[in-house]
Amino acid sequence: MKTFRNLALALSLFMSLALPSACFATPTASSWFTIYTVSTDQSSDTLIITPDSPHTVVNPSSCSLTYGYAMSSDVAGHSERYAMLLGALLSNKEVYVVVDGCASGLPKVISVSIRRQ
């Protein structure tokens, strides 16, 4: 029994060191920003949001690209968030996003908020 417990402890220690921290990322909110561009990804059903400068893109999952955010259609409420972002772009309102994971190499948007300036 002691051998099994030691093996389990060693395995859990190995897994915590071997897996990248991105596997344990939690949803993270950005700061408020205005949108510079909204575009689509040619290879998938993904919307790309590029913040106006200066804005530091939050990237808790260590995605490979950091110039903006991606909104994938596989997350519930995709159409509503798309409409909110287009409205914010057209009216020059500030937004903040909550990201979790990656889509098309960018931090993946799971929530959007808008405010008046």
N, C-alpha and C. Protein backbone atom coordinates (compact mmCIF):
# COMPACT_ATOMS: atom_id res chain seq x y z
N MET A 1 0.83 -1.19 0.00
CA MET A 1 0.00 0.00 0.00
C MET A 1 0.87 1.26 0.00
N LYS A 2 1.98 1.20 0.77
CA LYS A 2 2.87 2.35 0.83
C LYS A 2 3.51 2.61 -0.53
N THR A 3 3.85 1.53 -1.25
CA THR A 3 4.45 1.67 -2.58
C THR A 3 3.47 2.34 -3.53
N PHE A 4 2.19 1.94 -3.47
CA PHE A 4 1.17 2.54 -4.33
C PHE A 4 1.02 4.03 -4.02
N ARG A 5 1.02 4.39 -2.76
CA ARG A 5 0.88 5.79 -2.35
C ARG A 5 2.08 6.60 -2.85
N ASN A 6 3.28 6.05 -2.73
CA ASN A 6 4.48 6.73 -3.21
C ASN A 6 4.45 6.89 -4.73
N LEU A 7 3.96 5.86 -5.42
CA LEU A 7 3.85 5.92 -6.88
C LEU A 7 2.85 7.00 -7.29
N ALA A 8 1.71 7.05 -6.60
CA ALA A 8 0.70 8.06 -6.91
C ALA A 8 1.24 9.46 -6.65
N LEU A 9 1.98 9.65 -5.58
CA LEU A 9 2.57 10.94 -5.27
C LEU A 9 3.60 11.33 -6.32
N ALA A 10 4.43 10.39 -6.73
CA ALA A 10 5.45 10.67 -7.75
C ALA A 10 4.80 11.00 -9.08
N LEU A 11 3.74 10.28 -9.43
CA LEU A 11 3.04 10.54 -10.68
C LEU A 11 2.39 11.92 -10.67
N SER A 12 1.75 12.30 -9.59
CA SER A 12 1.12 13.61 -9.52
C SER A 12 2.16 14.72 -9.56
N LEU A 13 3.30 14.53 -8.94
CA LEU A 13 4.38 15.51 -9.00
C LEU A 13 4.91 15.64 -10.43
N PHE A 14 5.12 14.49 -11.08
CA PHE A 14 5.59 14.50 -12.47
C PHE A 14 4.60 15.23 -13.37
N MET A 15 3.31 14.95 -13.23
CA MET A 15 2.29 15.58 -14.09
C MET A 15 2.23 17.08 -13.86
N SER A 16 2.38 17.53 -12.63
CA SER A 16 2.34 18.96 -12.37
C SER A 16 3.55 19.68 -12.95
N LEU A 17 4.68 18.98 -13.06
CA LEU A 17 5.87 19.59 -13.65
C LEU A 17 5.91 19.42 -15.16
N ALA A 18 5.36 18.33 -15.67
CA ALA A 18 5.45 18.03 -17.09
C ALA A 18 4.42 18.78 -17.92
N LEU A 19 3.24 19.01 -17.37
CA LEU A 19 2.21 19.71 -18.13
C LEU A 19 2.45 21.21 -18.07
N PRO A 20 2.30 21.90 -19.20
CA PRO A 20 2.50 23.35 -19.18
C PRO A 20 1.42 24.03 -18.36
N SER A 21 1.75 25.19 -17.85
CA SER A 21 0.79 25.92 -17.02
C SER A 21 -0.44 26.30 -17.80
N ALA A 22 -0.37 26.35 -19.13
CA ALA A 22 -1.53 26.70 -19.95
C ALA A 22 -2.67 25.72 -19.75
N CYS A 23 -2.35 24.47 -19.39
CA CYS A 23 -3.38 23.48 -19.16
C CYS A 23 -4.22 23.82 -17.95
N PHE A 24 -3.70 24.66 -17.07
CA PHE A 24 -4.40 25.01 -15.85
C PHE A 24 -4.89 26.45 -15.87
N ALA A 25 -4.89 27.10 -17.04
CA ALA A 25 -5.31 28.49 -17.13
C ALA A 25 -6.78 28.61 -16.76
N THR A 26 -7.12 29.73 -16.17
CA THR A 26 -8.50 30.00 -15.82
C THR A 26 -8.98 31.20 -16.62
N PRO A 27 -10.29 31.37 -16.77
CA PRO A 27 -10.79 32.54 -17.50
C PRO A 27 -10.22 33.83 -16.92
N THR A 28 -9.78 34.73 -17.79
CA THR A 28 -9.12 35.96 -17.39
C THR A 28 -9.73 37.13 -18.14
N ALA A 29 -9.99 38.23 -17.44
CA ALA A 29 -10.57 39.42 -18.05
C ALA A 29 -9.48 40.37 -18.52
N SER A 30 -9.74 41.03 -19.64
CA SER A 30 -8.83 42.06 -20.15
C SER A 30 -9.13 43.37 -19.44
N SER A 31 -8.34 44.37 -19.74
CA SER A 31 -8.68 45.73 -19.33
C SER A 31 -9.63 46.29 -20.40
N TRP A 32 -10.24 47.45 -20.13
CA TRP A 32 -11.13 48.08 -21.10
C TRP A 32 -10.31 48.58 -22.29
N PHE A 33 -10.85 48.41 -23.50
CA PHE A 33 -10.18 48.88 -24.71
C PHE A 33 -11.20 49.19 -25.79
N THR A 34 -10.78 49.96 -26.79
CA THR A 34 -11.60 50.18 -27.98
C THR A 34 -11.11 49.23 -29.07
N ILE A 35 -12.00 48.89 -29.96
CA ILE A 35 -11.69 47.94 -31.03
C ILE A 35 -11.13 48.68 -32.24
N TYR A 36 -10.02 48.19 -32.75
CA TYR A 36 -9.41 48.77 -33.95
C TYR A 36 -9.96 48.09 -35.20
N THR A 37 -9.98 46.76 -35.20
CA THR A 37 -10.54 46.02 -36.34
C THR A 37 -11.30 44.79 -35.86
N VAL A 38 -12.25 44.38 -36.68
CA VAL A 38 -12.95 43.11 -36.53
C VAL A 38 -12.84 42.42 -37.88
N SER A 39 -12.36 41.19 -37.88
CA SER A 39 -12.19 40.48 -39.15
C SER A 39 -12.52 39.01 -38.96
N THR A 40 -12.57 38.28 -40.05
CA THR A 40 -12.83 36.84 -39.97
C THR A 40 -11.57 36.08 -40.33
N ASP A 41 -11.48 34.88 -39.81
CA ASP A 41 -10.36 33.99 -40.11
C ASP A 41 -10.74 33.18 -41.34
N GLN A 42 -9.88 33.17 -42.34
CA GLN A 42 -10.19 32.49 -43.60
C GLN A 42 -10.25 30.97 -43.48
N SER A 43 -9.62 30.41 -42.45
CA SER A 43 -9.55 28.96 -42.36
C SER A 43 -10.54 28.35 -41.37
N SER A 44 -11.28 29.19 -40.64
CA SER A 44 -12.26 28.65 -39.69
C SER A 44 -13.35 29.67 -39.45
N ASP A 45 -14.38 29.25 -38.74
CA ASP A 45 -15.51 30.12 -38.43
C ASP A 45 -15.18 30.91 -37.16
N THR A 46 -14.19 31.81 -37.27
CA THR A 46 -13.69 32.55 -36.12
C THR A 46 -13.64 34.04 -36.44
N LEU A 47 -14.04 34.84 -35.48
CA LEU A 47 -13.97 36.29 -35.59
C LEU A 47 -12.72 36.77 -34.86
N ILE A 48 -11.94 37.64 -35.49
CA ILE A 48 -10.71 38.16 -34.90
C ILE A 48 -10.94 39.62 -34.49
N ILE A 49 -10.63 39.95 -33.24
CA ILE A 49 -10.79 41.30 -32.71
C ILE A 49 -9.40 41.86 -32.43
N THR A 50 -9.07 42.98 -33.05
CA THR A 50 -7.79 43.63 -32.80
C THR A 50 -8.04 44.88 -31.98
N PRO A 51 -7.47 44.96 -30.78
CA PRO A 51 -7.65 46.16 -29.94
C PRO A 51 -6.89 47.36 -30.49
N ASP A 52 -7.41 48.54 -30.19
CA ASP A 52 -6.70 49.77 -30.51
C ASP A 52 -5.50 49.88 -29.57
N SER A 53 -4.45 50.51 -30.04
CA SER A 53 -3.24 50.68 -29.20
C SER A 53 -3.46 51.81 -28.22
N PRO A 54 -2.85 51.86 -27.10
CA PRO A 54 -2.07 50.77 -26.50
C PRO A 54 -2.99 49.86 -25.69
N HIS A 55 -2.83 48.59 -25.86
CA HIS A 55 -3.58 47.59 -25.08
C HIS A 55 -2.75 46.33 -25.01
N THR A 56 -2.60 45.80 -23.82
CA THR A 56 -1.88 44.55 -23.65
C THR A 56 -2.89 43.41 -23.69
N VAL A 57 -2.75 42.54 -24.65
CA VAL A 57 -3.65 41.40 -24.80
C VAL A 57 -3.39 40.41 -23.68
N VAL A 58 -4.44 40.02 -22.96
CA VAL A 58 -4.28 39.00 -21.92
C VAL A 58 -4.20 37.64 -22.59
N ASN A 59 -3.29 36.81 -22.11
CA ASN A 59 -3.01 35.54 -22.76
C ASN A 59 -2.70 34.46 -21.71
N PRO A 60 -3.69 34.10 -20.88
CA PRO A 60 -3.41 33.16 -19.79
C PRO A 60 -3.09 31.75 -20.27
N SER A 61 -3.46 31.41 -21.50
CA SER A 61 -3.22 30.07 -22.01
C SER A 61 -1.97 29.98 -22.88
N SER A 62 -1.19 31.06 -22.90
CA SER A 62 0.04 31.11 -23.70
C SER A 62 -0.20 30.75 -25.16
N CYS A 63 -1.21 31.38 -25.75
CA CYS A 63 -1.50 31.15 -27.17
C CYS A 63 -0.34 31.66 -28.01
N SER A 64 -0.20 31.13 -29.21
CA SER A 64 0.96 31.46 -30.05
C SER A 64 0.92 32.87 -30.62
N LEU A 65 -0.27 33.45 -30.78
CA LEU A 65 -0.41 34.81 -31.32
C LEU A 65 -0.97 35.74 -30.24
N THR A 66 -0.52 36.99 -30.24
CA THR A 66 -0.97 37.91 -29.18
C THR A 66 -1.34 39.29 -29.71
N TYR A 67 -1.70 39.41 -30.98
CA TYR A 67 -2.06 40.71 -31.53
C TYR A 67 -3.53 41.05 -31.32
N GLY A 68 -4.32 40.11 -30.81
CA GLY A 68 -5.75 40.35 -30.61
C GLY A 68 -6.42 39.17 -29.95
N TYR A 69 -7.72 39.06 -30.15
CA TYR A 69 -8.53 38.00 -29.55
C TYR A 69 -9.32 37.30 -30.64
N ALA A 70 -9.69 36.05 -30.41
CA ALA A 70 -10.49 35.29 -31.35
C ALA A 70 -11.79 34.87 -30.68
N MET A 71 -12.85 34.90 -31.46
CA MET A 71 -14.14 34.44 -30.95
C MET A 71 -14.60 33.30 -31.85
N SER A 72 -14.63 32.12 -31.29
CA SER A 72 -14.98 30.92 -32.03
C SER A 72 -16.48 30.67 -31.98
N SER A 73 -17.02 30.12 -33.05
CA SER A 73 -18.46 29.85 -33.10
C SER A 73 -18.87 28.65 -32.26
N ASP A 74 -17.91 27.92 -31.69
CA ASP A 74 -18.27 26.75 -30.88
C ASP A 74 -18.65 27.11 -29.44
N VAL A 75 -18.58 28.39 -29.08
CA VAL A 75 -18.96 28.83 -27.74
C VAL A 75 -20.38 29.39 -27.80
N ALA A 76 -21.23 28.97 -26.87
CA ALA A 76 -22.62 29.44 -26.84
C ALA A 76 -22.66 30.97 -26.78
N GLY A 77 -23.62 31.57 -27.47
CA GLY A 77 -23.77 33.02 -27.46
C GLY A 77 -22.89 33.73 -28.47
N HIS A 78 -22.33 32.99 -29.42
CA HIS A 78 -21.43 33.55 -30.43
C HIS A 78 -22.10 34.71 -31.19
N SER A 79 -23.33 34.52 -31.64
CA SER A 79 -24.02 35.56 -32.42
C SER A 79 -24.25 36.83 -31.61
N GLU A 80 -24.59 36.67 -30.35
CA GLU A 80 -24.83 37.84 -29.49
C GLU A 80 -23.53 38.61 -29.27
N ARG A 81 -22.46 37.91 -28.99
CA ARG A 81 -21.17 38.58 -28.80
C ARG A 81 -20.70 39.26 -30.08
N TYR A 82 -20.92 38.62 -31.21
CA TYR A 82 -20.57 39.21 -32.50
C TYR A 82 -21.30 40.54 -32.70
N ALA A 83 -22.61 40.55 -32.43
CA ALA A 83 -23.41 41.78 -32.56
C ALA A 83 -22.92 42.85 -31.59
N MET A 84 -22.61 42.46 -30.36
CA MET A 84 -22.12 43.43 -29.38
C MET A 84 -20.81 44.07 -29.83
N LEU A 85 -19.90 43.25 -30.35
CA LEU A 85 -18.60 43.76 -30.79
C LEU A 85 -18.73 44.69 -31.99
N LEU A 86 -19.60 44.33 -32.94
CA LEU A 86 -19.81 45.22 -34.09
C LEU A 86 -20.43 46.55 -33.65
N GLY A 87 -21.37 46.48 -32.71
CA GLY A 87 -21.96 47.70 -32.17
C GLY A 87 -20.93 48.57 -31.47
N ALA A 88 -20.05 47.94 -30.70
CA ALA A 88 -19.00 48.68 -30.01
C ALA A 88 -18.03 49.31 -31.00
N LEU A 89 -17.69 48.59 -32.06
CA LEU A 89 -16.79 49.13 -33.08
C LEU A 89 -17.42 50.34 -33.76
N LEU A 90 -18.67 50.22 -34.17
CA LEU A 90 -19.34 51.29 -34.90
C LEU A 90 -19.62 52.53 -34.05
N SER A 91 -19.82 52.33 -32.75
CA SER A 91 -20.12 53.46 -31.87
C SER A 91 -18.91 53.89 -31.04
N ASN A 92 -17.76 53.29 -31.28
CA ASN A 92 -16.52 53.62 -30.58
C ASN A 92 -16.65 53.48 -29.06
N LYS A 93 -17.36 52.43 -28.63
CA LYS A 93 -17.50 52.15 -27.20
C LYS A 93 -16.36 51.27 -26.72
N GLU A 94 -16.08 51.32 -25.43
CA GLU A 94 -15.06 50.47 -24.84
C GLU A 94 -15.63 49.10 -24.53
N VAL A 95 -14.80 48.09 -24.68
CA VAL A 95 -15.19 46.72 -24.35
C VAL A 95 -14.11 46.10 -23.46
N TYR A 96 -14.51 45.08 -22.76
CA TYR A 96 -13.50 44.18 -22.18
C TYR A 96 -14.00 42.78 -22.44
N VAL A 97 -13.07 41.87 -22.55
CA VAL A 97 -13.40 40.50 -22.87
C VAL A 97 -12.84 39.58 -21.78
N VAL A 98 -13.47 38.44 -21.65
CA VAL A 98 -12.94 37.38 -20.80
C VAL A 98 -12.50 36.28 -21.75
N VAL A 99 -11.28 35.80 -21.55
CA VAL A 99 -10.72 34.77 -22.44
C VAL A 99 -10.42 33.50 -21.65
N ASP A 100 -10.48 32.40 -22.38
CA ASP A 100 -10.15 31.10 -21.80
C ASP A 100 -9.77 30.18 -22.95
N GLY A 101 -8.54 29.73 -23.00
CA GLY A 101 -8.08 28.86 -24.06
C GLY A 101 -7.65 29.66 -25.29
N CYS A 102 -7.49 28.95 -26.40
CA CYS A 102 -7.03 29.56 -27.64
C CYS A 102 -7.95 29.17 -28.79
N ALA A 103 -8.06 30.05 -29.77
CA ALA A 103 -8.77 29.77 -31.02
C ALA A 103 -7.98 30.44 -32.13
N SER A 104 -7.67 29.72 -33.17
CA SER A 104 -6.86 30.24 -34.28
C SER A 104 -5.55 30.86 -33.79
N GLY A 105 -5.02 30.31 -32.71
CA GLY A 105 -3.74 30.78 -32.18
C GLY A 105 -3.82 32.00 -31.28
N LEU A 106 -5.02 32.56 -31.11
CA LEU A 106 -5.23 33.76 -30.29
C LEU A 106 -6.02 33.41 -29.03
N PRO A 107 -5.94 34.26 -27.99
CA PRO A 107 -6.77 34.04 -26.80
C PRO A 107 -8.26 34.00 -27.20
N LYS A 108 -8.98 33.00 -26.70
CA LYS A 108 -10.37 32.74 -27.09
C LYS A 108 -11.35 33.48 -26.19
N VAL A 109 -12.18 34.32 -26.80
CA VAL A 109 -13.18 35.12 -26.08
C VAL A 109 -14.35 34.24 -25.66
N ILE A 110 -14.72 34.32 -24.38
CA ILE A 110 -15.89 33.59 -23.89
C ILE A 110 -16.95 34.53 -23.35
N SER A 111 -16.60 35.82 -23.20
CA SER A 111 -17.56 36.80 -22.67
C SER A 111 -17.14 38.20 -23.13
N VAL A 112 -18.14 39.07 -23.34
CA VAL A 112 -17.90 40.44 -23.79
C VAL A 112 -18.75 41.40 -22.96
N SER A 113 -18.16 42.53 -22.59
CA SER A 113 -18.90 43.61 -21.91
C SER A 113 -18.61 44.92 -22.63
N ILE A 114 -19.58 45.82 -22.66
CA ILE A 114 -19.44 47.12 -23.32
C ILE A 114 -19.81 48.22 -22.33
N ARG A 115 -19.11 49.37 -22.44
CA ARG A 115 -19.49 50.52 -21.61
C ARG A 115 -19.34 51.81 -22.41
N ARG A 116 -20.09 52.83 -21.95
CA ARG A 116 -19.92 54.17 -22.52
C ARG A 116 -18.65 54.77 -22.00
N GLN A 117 -18.05 55.66 -22.78
CA GLN A 117 -16.83 56.30 -22.34
C GLN A 117 -17.13 57.61 -21.63
